[in-house]
Amino acid sequence: RVATILVNENVIFDLDVLDTYVTATYPDLRKCINNLQQSCINGELQKPSLSSSSTTDDYKLQMVEMFKQERIREGRKLLCSQIRSEEVEELFRWMYDNPEFWGKTEEQQDRAIVIIRNGLVNHSMVGDVEINLSATLIELADNFNGK
């Protein structure tokens, strides 16, 4: 839907860049459209900024871009510094919905699902959700790297 909007508005865009916006905001179409509107300059969709000067509202876009670039450790640090505790369960679902970030092979992606499940189960039992989220992301990074 958002690609159609961009085409109708004569906005130049790269599909991979558009995918970053959609992945970061799915299933919230309205938020995606708002992000795209703010990120179009002179009729061209801009790649999300990875600079530390970006606002905290952009952290999900930055995180997705880092994960796409296999920079899981940096994405983890950014995520844990920005995410609110009420967003963590939603993030576990997002991780499950995007297995390509956690494994190159089907076997790695299957192991990633188990890691995500374990992190979600532990989420309700831990005293510090940030530590549990960090540990889950570290396990996912190790899985991705074949460790």
N, C-alpha and C. Protein backbone atom coordinates (compact mmCIF):
# COMPACT_ATOMS: atom_id res chain seq x y z
N ARG A 1 0.82 -1.20 0.00
CA ARG A 1 0.00 0.00 0.00
C ARG A 1 0.86 1.26 0.00
N VAL A 2 1.92 1.28 0.83
CA VAL A 2 2.74 2.49 0.90
C VAL A 2 3.53 2.71 -0.39
N ALA A 3 3.91 1.63 -1.05
CA ALA A 3 4.60 1.79 -2.34
C ALA A 3 3.68 2.45 -3.34
N THR A 4 2.42 2.07 -3.34
CA THR A 4 1.43 2.68 -4.24
C THR A 4 1.29 4.17 -3.95
N ILE A 5 1.26 4.52 -2.68
CA ILE A 5 1.16 5.93 -2.29
C ILE A 5 2.37 6.71 -2.81
N LEU A 6 3.56 6.14 -2.63
CA LEU A 6 4.77 6.83 -3.08
C LEU A 6 4.78 6.99 -4.60
N VAL A 7 4.37 5.97 -5.31
CA VAL A 7 4.31 6.05 -6.77
C VAL A 7 3.30 7.12 -7.19
N ASN A 8 2.12 7.13 -6.56
CA ASN A 8 1.09 8.12 -6.89
C ASN A 8 1.55 9.54 -6.59
N GLU A 9 2.42 9.69 -5.60
CA GLU A 9 2.93 11.01 -5.22
C GLU A 9 4.22 11.36 -5.95
N ASN A 10 4.63 10.50 -6.90
CA ASN A 10 5.85 10.70 -7.69
C ASN A 10 7.11 10.81 -6.83
N VAL A 11 7.16 9.98 -5.79
CA VAL A 11 8.33 9.95 -4.91
C VAL A 11 9.26 8.84 -5.39
N ILE A 12 10.52 9.17 -5.52
CA ILE A 12 11.54 8.19 -5.90
C ILE A 12 11.95 7.43 -4.64
N PHE A 13 11.99 6.10 -4.74
CA PHE A 13 12.36 5.31 -3.56
C PHE A 13 13.03 4.02 -3.96
N ASP A 14 13.83 3.51 -3.06
CA ASP A 14 14.48 2.22 -3.18
C ASP A 14 13.64 1.22 -2.38
N LEU A 15 13.38 0.05 -2.96
CA LEU A 15 12.53 -0.93 -2.27
C LEU A 15 13.11 -1.39 -0.94
N ASP A 16 14.43 -1.52 -0.86
CA ASP A 16 15.05 -1.94 0.40
C ASP A 16 14.86 -0.88 1.48
N VAL A 17 14.97 0.38 1.10
CA VAL A 17 14.75 1.47 2.05
C VAL A 17 13.28 1.48 2.50
N LEU A 18 12.37 1.32 1.55
CA LEU A 18 10.95 1.27 1.89
C LEU A 18 10.68 0.10 2.82
N ASP A 19 11.32 -1.04 2.57
CA ASP A 19 11.15 -2.21 3.43
C ASP A 19 11.56 -1.91 4.87
N THR A 20 12.60 -1.11 5.05
CA THR A 20 13.04 -0.74 6.40
C THR A 20 11.92 -0.02 7.13
N TYR A 21 11.29 0.93 6.47
CA TYR A 21 10.20 1.68 7.10
C TYR A 21 9.01 0.77 7.42
N VAL A 22 8.66 -0.09 6.48
CA VAL A 22 7.52 -0.98 6.68
C VAL A 22 7.81 -1.97 7.81
N THR A 23 9.00 -2.56 7.80
CA THR A 23 9.37 -3.54 8.82
C THR A 23 9.37 -2.91 10.21
N ALA A 24 9.83 -1.68 10.31
CA ALA A 24 9.92 -1.01 11.61
C ALA A 24 8.55 -0.63 12.17
N THR A 25 7.57 -0.42 11.31
CA THR A 25 6.27 0.08 11.78
C THR A 25 5.12 -0.91 11.67
N TYR A 26 5.32 -2.01 10.96
CA TYR A 26 4.23 -2.97 10.75
C TYR A 26 3.67 -3.44 12.08
N PRO A 27 2.37 -3.53 12.23
CA PRO A 27 1.28 -3.39 11.27
C PRO A 27 0.64 -1.99 11.25
N ASP A 28 1.31 -1.00 11.82
CA ASP A 28 0.73 0.35 11.94
C ASP A 28 0.95 1.14 10.64
N LEU A 29 0.00 1.03 9.71
CA LEU A 29 0.10 1.69 8.41
C LEU A 29 0.17 3.21 8.56
N ARG A 30 -0.61 3.75 9.45
CA ARG A 30 -0.62 5.20 9.64
C ARG A 30 0.75 5.72 10.08
N LYS A 31 1.38 5.00 11.01
CA LYS A 31 2.71 5.40 11.47
C LYS A 31 3.72 5.31 10.32
N CYS A 32 3.60 4.27 9.51
CA CYS A 32 4.50 4.10 8.37
C CYS A 32 4.35 5.27 7.41
N ILE A 33 3.12 5.62 7.10
CA ILE A 33 2.88 6.75 6.18
C ILE A 33 3.44 8.04 6.75
N ASN A 34 3.24 8.27 8.04
CA ASN A 34 3.78 9.47 8.68
C ASN A 34 5.31 9.50 8.62
N ASN A 35 5.93 8.36 8.89
CA ASN A 35 7.40 8.29 8.80
C ASN A 35 7.88 8.56 7.38
N LEU A 36 7.19 7.99 6.41
CA LEU A 36 7.57 8.22 5.02
C LEU A 36 7.43 9.69 4.64
N GLN A 37 6.34 10.29 5.09
CA GLN A 37 6.11 11.71 4.79
C GLN A 37 7.25 12.57 5.34
N GLN A 38 7.68 12.27 6.55
CA GLN A 38 8.75 13.03 7.19
C GLN A 38 10.12 12.75 6.55
N SER A 39 10.23 11.63 5.86
CA SER A 39 11.52 11.21 5.33
C SER A 39 11.67 11.46 3.83
N CYS A 40 10.72 12.13 3.23
CA CYS A 40 10.81 12.47 1.80
C CYS A 40 11.35 13.90 1.66
N ILE A 41 12.43 14.01 0.93
CA ILE A 41 13.06 15.31 0.69
C ILE A 41 13.21 15.46 -0.81
N ASN A 42 12.67 16.56 -1.31
CA ASN A 42 12.74 16.85 -2.74
C ASN A 42 12.27 15.68 -3.61
N GLY A 43 11.16 15.06 -3.19
CA GLY A 43 10.58 13.99 -3.98
C GLY A 43 11.32 12.67 -3.93
N GLU A 44 12.16 12.48 -2.92
CA GLU A 44 12.92 11.23 -2.81
C GLU A 44 12.90 10.74 -1.36
N LEU A 45 12.61 9.46 -1.19
CA LEU A 45 12.60 8.85 0.13
C LEU A 45 14.04 8.66 0.60
N GLN A 46 14.34 9.20 1.78
CA GLN A 46 15.68 9.13 2.34
C GLN A 46 15.85 7.87 3.17
N LYS A 47 17.04 7.34 3.15
CA LYS A 47 17.39 6.20 3.99
C LYS A 47 17.38 6.65 5.45
N PRO A 48 16.90 5.82 6.38
CA PRO A 48 16.90 6.22 7.80
C PRO A 48 18.32 6.53 8.26
N SER A 49 18.43 7.56 9.06
CA SER A 49 19.73 7.98 9.58
C SER A 49 20.17 7.04 10.68
N LEU A 50 21.45 6.69 10.69
CA LEU A 50 22.01 5.86 11.75
C LEU A 50 22.85 6.70 12.72
N SER A 51 22.77 8.01 12.57
CA SER A 51 23.58 8.87 13.43
C SER A 51 22.99 8.95 14.82
N SER A 52 23.82 9.22 15.78
CA SER A 52 23.36 9.31 17.16
C SER A 52 22.54 10.57 17.40
N SER A 53 22.52 11.49 16.44
CA SER A 53 21.75 12.73 16.61
C SER A 53 20.29 12.56 16.26
N SER A 54 19.89 11.39 15.77
CA SER A 54 18.50 11.17 15.43
C SER A 54 17.64 11.17 16.68
N THR A 55 16.38 11.47 16.52
CA THR A 55 15.48 11.49 17.66
C THR A 55 15.18 10.07 18.10
N THR A 56 14.70 9.93 19.33
CA THR A 56 14.40 8.60 19.86
C THR A 56 13.26 7.96 19.11
N ASP A 57 12.41 8.76 18.44
CA ASP A 57 11.31 8.19 17.67
C ASP A 57 11.82 7.35 16.50
N ASP A 58 13.04 7.58 16.07
CA ASP A 58 13.61 6.88 14.93
C ASP A 58 14.34 5.59 15.31
N TYR A 59 14.34 5.23 16.58
CA TYR A 59 15.18 4.10 16.98
C TYR A 59 14.78 2.80 16.30
N LYS A 60 13.51 2.57 16.05
CA LYS A 60 13.11 1.32 15.40
C LYS A 60 13.61 1.26 13.97
N LEU A 61 13.56 2.39 13.27
CA LEU A 61 14.10 2.44 11.91
C LEU A 61 15.60 2.17 11.93
N GLN A 62 16.30 2.80 12.85
CA GLN A 62 17.74 2.60 12.97
C GLN A 62 18.06 1.15 13.31
N MET A 63 17.27 0.58 14.23
CA MET A 63 17.48 -0.80 14.64
C MET A 63 17.32 -1.75 13.45
N VAL A 64 16.24 -1.57 12.68
CA VAL A 64 16.01 -2.44 11.52
C VAL A 64 17.17 -2.32 10.54
N GLU A 65 17.61 -1.09 10.29
CA GLU A 65 18.72 -0.89 9.35
C GLU A 65 19.98 -1.57 9.85
N MET A 66 20.25 -1.49 11.15
CA MET A 66 21.42 -2.17 11.71
C MET A 66 21.30 -3.68 11.59
N PHE A 67 20.12 -4.22 11.88
CA PHE A 67 19.93 -5.66 11.76
C PHE A 67 20.08 -6.11 10.31
N LYS A 68 19.59 -5.32 9.36
CA LYS A 68 19.75 -5.66 7.94
C LYS A 68 21.23 -5.71 7.56
N GLN A 69 22.03 -4.86 8.19
CA GLN A 69 23.46 -4.81 7.90
C GLN A 69 24.25 -5.80 8.76
N GLU A 70 23.53 -6.68 9.46
CA GLU A 70 24.13 -7.69 10.34
C GLU A 70 24.92 -7.07 11.48
N ARG A 71 24.52 -5.88 11.88
CA ARG A 71 25.14 -5.18 13.01
C ARG A 71 24.25 -5.38 14.24
N ILE A 72 24.11 -6.65 14.64
CA ILE A 72 23.17 -7.01 15.69
C ILE A 72 23.59 -6.43 17.04
N ARG A 73 24.87 -6.44 17.33
CA ARG A 73 25.34 -5.90 18.63
C ARG A 73 24.99 -4.42 18.75
N GLU A 74 25.25 -3.65 17.69
CA GLU A 74 24.91 -2.22 17.73
C GLU A 74 23.41 -2.02 17.81
N GLY A 75 22.66 -2.83 17.08
CA GLY A 75 21.20 -2.75 17.13
C GLY A 75 20.67 -3.06 18.52
N ARG A 76 21.29 -4.06 19.17
CA ARG A 76 20.89 -4.42 20.53
C ARG A 76 21.13 -3.26 21.49
N LYS A 77 22.28 -2.63 21.40
CA LYS A 77 22.60 -1.51 22.30
C LYS A 77 21.63 -0.36 22.09
N LEU A 78 21.35 -0.04 20.84
CA LEU A 78 20.40 1.02 20.54
C LEU A 78 19.02 0.67 21.08
N LEU A 79 18.58 -0.53 20.78
CA LEU A 79 17.25 -0.97 21.19
C LEU A 79 17.09 -0.92 22.71
N CYS A 80 18.05 -1.47 23.42
CA CYS A 80 17.94 -1.52 24.88
C CYS A 80 18.01 -0.13 25.51
N SER A 81 18.65 0.81 24.83
CA SER A 81 18.71 2.17 25.37
C SER A 81 17.44 2.96 25.09
N GLN A 82 16.62 2.51 24.15
CA GLN A 82 15.47 3.30 23.72
C GLN A 82 14.11 2.68 24.05
N ILE A 83 14.02 1.37 24.08
CA ILE A 83 12.71 0.72 24.19
C ILE A 83 12.10 0.95 25.58
N ARG A 84 10.79 1.14 25.58
CA ARG A 84 10.05 1.27 26.84
C ARG A 84 9.60 -0.13 27.26
N SER A 85 9.49 -0.35 28.55
CA SER A 85 9.17 -1.70 29.05
C SER A 85 7.84 -2.22 28.50
N GLU A 86 6.88 -1.33 28.23
CA GLU A 86 5.59 -1.78 27.70
C GLU A 86 5.67 -2.20 26.23
N GLU A 87 6.80 -1.95 25.56
CA GLU A 87 6.97 -2.33 24.16
C GLU A 87 7.67 -3.67 23.98
N VAL A 88 8.20 -4.24 25.06
CA VAL A 88 9.06 -5.41 24.95
C VAL A 88 8.32 -6.62 24.39
N GLU A 89 7.13 -6.91 24.88
CA GLU A 89 6.39 -8.08 24.38
C GLU A 89 6.10 -7.93 22.89
N GLU A 90 5.75 -6.73 22.46
CA GLU A 90 5.52 -6.47 21.04
C GLU A 90 6.80 -6.71 20.23
N LEU A 91 7.94 -6.36 20.82
CA LEU A 91 9.21 -6.56 20.14
C LEU A 91 9.50 -8.05 19.94
N PHE A 92 9.19 -8.87 20.95
CA PHE A 92 9.40 -10.31 20.78
C PHE A 92 8.58 -10.82 19.59
N ARG A 93 7.36 -10.35 19.43
CA ARG A 93 6.55 -10.76 18.28
C ARG A 93 7.20 -10.28 16.99
N TRP A 94 7.71 -9.04 17.00
CA TRP A 94 8.38 -8.49 15.82
C TRP A 94 9.60 -9.36 15.46
N MET A 95 10.37 -9.76 16.46
CA MET A 95 11.54 -10.61 16.20
C MET A 95 11.10 -11.93 15.57
N TYR A 96 10.01 -12.50 16.07
CA TYR A 96 9.49 -13.75 15.52
C TYR A 96 9.03 -13.56 14.07
N ASP A 97 8.43 -12.42 13.77
CA ASP A 97 7.91 -12.15 12.43
C ASP A 97 9.01 -11.84 11.41
N ASN A 98 10.24 -11.63 11.86
CA ASN A 98 11.35 -11.27 10.97
C ASN A 98 12.54 -12.22 11.17
N PRO A 99 12.36 -13.50 10.85
CA PRO A 99 13.42 -14.48 11.12
C PRO A 99 14.68 -14.28 10.29
N GLU A 100 14.58 -13.56 9.17
CA GLU A 100 15.76 -13.37 8.32
C GLU A 100 16.87 -12.58 9.02
N PHE A 101 16.53 -11.85 10.08
CA PHE A 101 17.56 -11.12 10.82
C PHE A 101 18.37 -12.04 11.72
N TRP A 102 17.84 -13.22 12.03
CA TRP A 102 18.44 -14.08 13.04
C TRP A 102 19.06 -15.34 12.49
N GLY A 103 18.98 -15.53 11.18
CA GLY A 103 19.61 -16.71 10.62
C GLY A 103 19.59 -16.68 9.10
N LYS A 104 20.68 -17.17 8.52
CA LYS A 104 20.79 -17.23 7.06
C LYS A 104 20.16 -18.50 6.52
N THR A 105 20.13 -19.54 7.34
CA THR A 105 19.58 -20.82 6.90
C THR A 105 18.27 -21.09 7.63
N GLU A 106 17.51 -22.03 7.12
CA GLU A 106 16.25 -22.41 7.78
C GLU A 106 16.53 -22.98 9.18
N GLU A 107 17.62 -23.72 9.33
CA GLU A 107 17.96 -24.29 10.63
C GLU A 107 18.27 -23.19 11.64
N GLN A 108 19.03 -22.17 11.22
CA GLN A 108 19.33 -21.06 12.11
C GLN A 108 18.05 -20.31 12.48
N GLN A 109 17.17 -20.13 11.51
CA GLN A 109 15.92 -19.42 11.78
C GLN A 109 15.03 -20.24 12.72
N ASP A 110 15.04 -21.55 12.58
CA ASP A 110 14.28 -22.40 13.50
C ASP A 110 14.84 -22.30 14.92
N ARG A 111 16.17 -22.32 15.06
CA ARG A 111 16.78 -22.16 16.38
C ARG A 111 16.46 -20.78 16.95
N ALA A 112 16.41 -19.78 16.09
CA ALA A 112 16.09 -18.43 16.53
C ALA A 112 14.69 -18.36 17.13
N ILE A 113 13.75 -19.08 16.55
CA ILE A 113 12.39 -19.10 17.09
C ILE A 113 12.39 -19.65 18.52
N VAL A 114 13.18 -20.68 18.76
CA VAL A 114 13.28 -21.24 20.12
C VAL A 114 13.91 -20.23 21.06
N ILE A 115 14.94 -19.53 20.62
CA ILE A 115 15.59 -18.50 21.44
C ILE A 115 14.59 -17.39 21.77
N ILE A 116 13.84 -16.95 20.77
CA ILE A 116 12.84 -15.90 20.98
C ILE A 116 11.78 -16.38 21.96
N ARG A 117 11.31 -17.61 21.78
CA ARG A 117 10.31 -18.16 22.72
C ARG A 117 10.85 -18.18 24.14
N ASN A 118 12.09 -18.64 24.32
CA ASN A 118 12.68 -18.68 25.65
C ASN A 118 12.78 -17.28 26.26
N GLY A 119 13.16 -16.32 25.44
CA GLY A 119 13.23 -14.93 25.92
C GLY A 119 11.87 -14.42 26.34
N LEU A 120 10.84 -14.76 25.58
CA LEU A 120 9.49 -14.32 25.91
C LEU A 120 9.00 -14.99 27.19
N VAL A 121 9.28 -16.28 27.34
CA VAL A 121 8.89 -16.99 28.57
C VAL A 121 9.59 -16.36 29.77
N ASN A 122 10.88 -16.10 29.63
CA ASN A 122 11.64 -15.50 30.72
C ASN A 122 11.18 -14.07 31.03
N HIS A 123 10.66 -13.40 30.03
CA HIS A 123 10.23 -12.00 30.18
C HIS A 123 9.31 -11.80 31.38
N SER A 124 8.39 -12.74 31.57
CA SER A 124 7.43 -12.59 32.67
C SER A 124 8.01 -12.97 34.02
N MET A 125 9.21 -13.54 34.04
CA MET A 125 9.78 -14.02 35.29
C MET A 125 11.00 -13.24 35.76
N VAL A 126 11.51 -12.33 34.94
CA VAL A 126 12.75 -11.65 35.31
C VAL A 126 12.47 -10.33 36.01
N GLY A 127 13.43 -9.90 36.80
CA GLY A 127 13.30 -8.63 37.49
C GLY A 127 13.67 -7.45 36.61
N ASP A 128 14.51 -7.68 35.63
CA ASP A 128 14.96 -6.59 34.75
C ASP A 128 14.77 -7.03 33.30
N VAL A 129 13.75 -6.47 32.65
CA VAL A 129 13.42 -6.89 31.28
C VAL A 129 14.52 -6.50 30.29
N GLU A 130 15.27 -5.45 30.57
CA GLU A 130 16.34 -5.05 29.66
C GLU A 130 17.45 -6.10 29.62
N ILE A 131 17.78 -6.66 30.77
CA ILE A 131 18.81 -7.70 30.81
C ILE A 131 18.34 -8.93 30.03
N ASN A 132 17.07 -9.31 30.21
CA ASN A 132 16.53 -10.46 29.48
C ASN A 132 16.52 -10.19 27.98
N LEU A 133 16.11 -9.00 27.57
CA LEU A 133 16.09 -8.65 26.16
C LEU A 133 17.51 -8.67 25.58
N SER A 134 18.46 -8.10 26.31
CA SER A 134 19.85 -8.11 25.86
C SER A 134 20.36 -9.53 25.70
N ALA A 135 20.07 -10.37 26.68
CA ALA A 135 20.54 -11.75 26.62
C ALA A 135 19.92 -12.48 25.42
N THR A 136 18.65 -12.23 25.16
CA THR A 136 17.99 -12.86 24.02
C THR A 136 18.64 -12.42 22.71
N LEU A 137 18.91 -11.13 22.59
CA LEU A 137 19.53 -10.61 21.37
C LEU A 137 20.97 -11.11 21.21
N ILE A 138 21.69 -11.29 22.30
CA ILE A 138 23.04 -11.85 22.23
C ILE A 138 22.97 -13.30 21.73
N GLU A 139 22.01 -14.06 22.24
CA GLU A 139 21.85 -15.44 21.77
C GLU A 139 21.48 -15.47 20.30
N LEU A 140 20.62 -14.54 19.87
CA LEU A 140 20.24 -14.47 18.46
C LEU A 140 21.44 -14.12 17.58
N ALA A 141 22.29 -13.19 18.04
CA ALA A 141 23.49 -12.82 17.30
C ALA A 141 24.44 -14.01 17.19
N ASP A 142 24.62 -14.74 18.29
CA ASP A 142 25.47 -15.92 18.27
C ASP A 142 24.92 -16.97 17.31
N ASN A 143 23.61 -17.14 17.32
CA ASN A 143 22.96 -18.08 16.39
C ASN A 143 23.22 -17.67 14.95
N PHE A 144 23.08 -16.38 14.66
CA PHE A 144 23.29 -15.87 13.31
C PHE A 144 24.72 -16.12 12.85
N ASN A 145 25.65 -15.95 13.78
CA ASN A 145 27.07 -16.13 13.46
C ASN A 145 27.52 -17.58 13.54
N GLY A 146 26.59 -18.50 13.78
CA GLY A 146 26.90 -19.92 13.78
C GLY A 146 27.60 -20.41 15.03
N LYS A 147 27.43 -19.71 16.13
CA LYS A 147 28.09 -20.13 17.39
C LYS A 147 27.18 -21.02 18.19
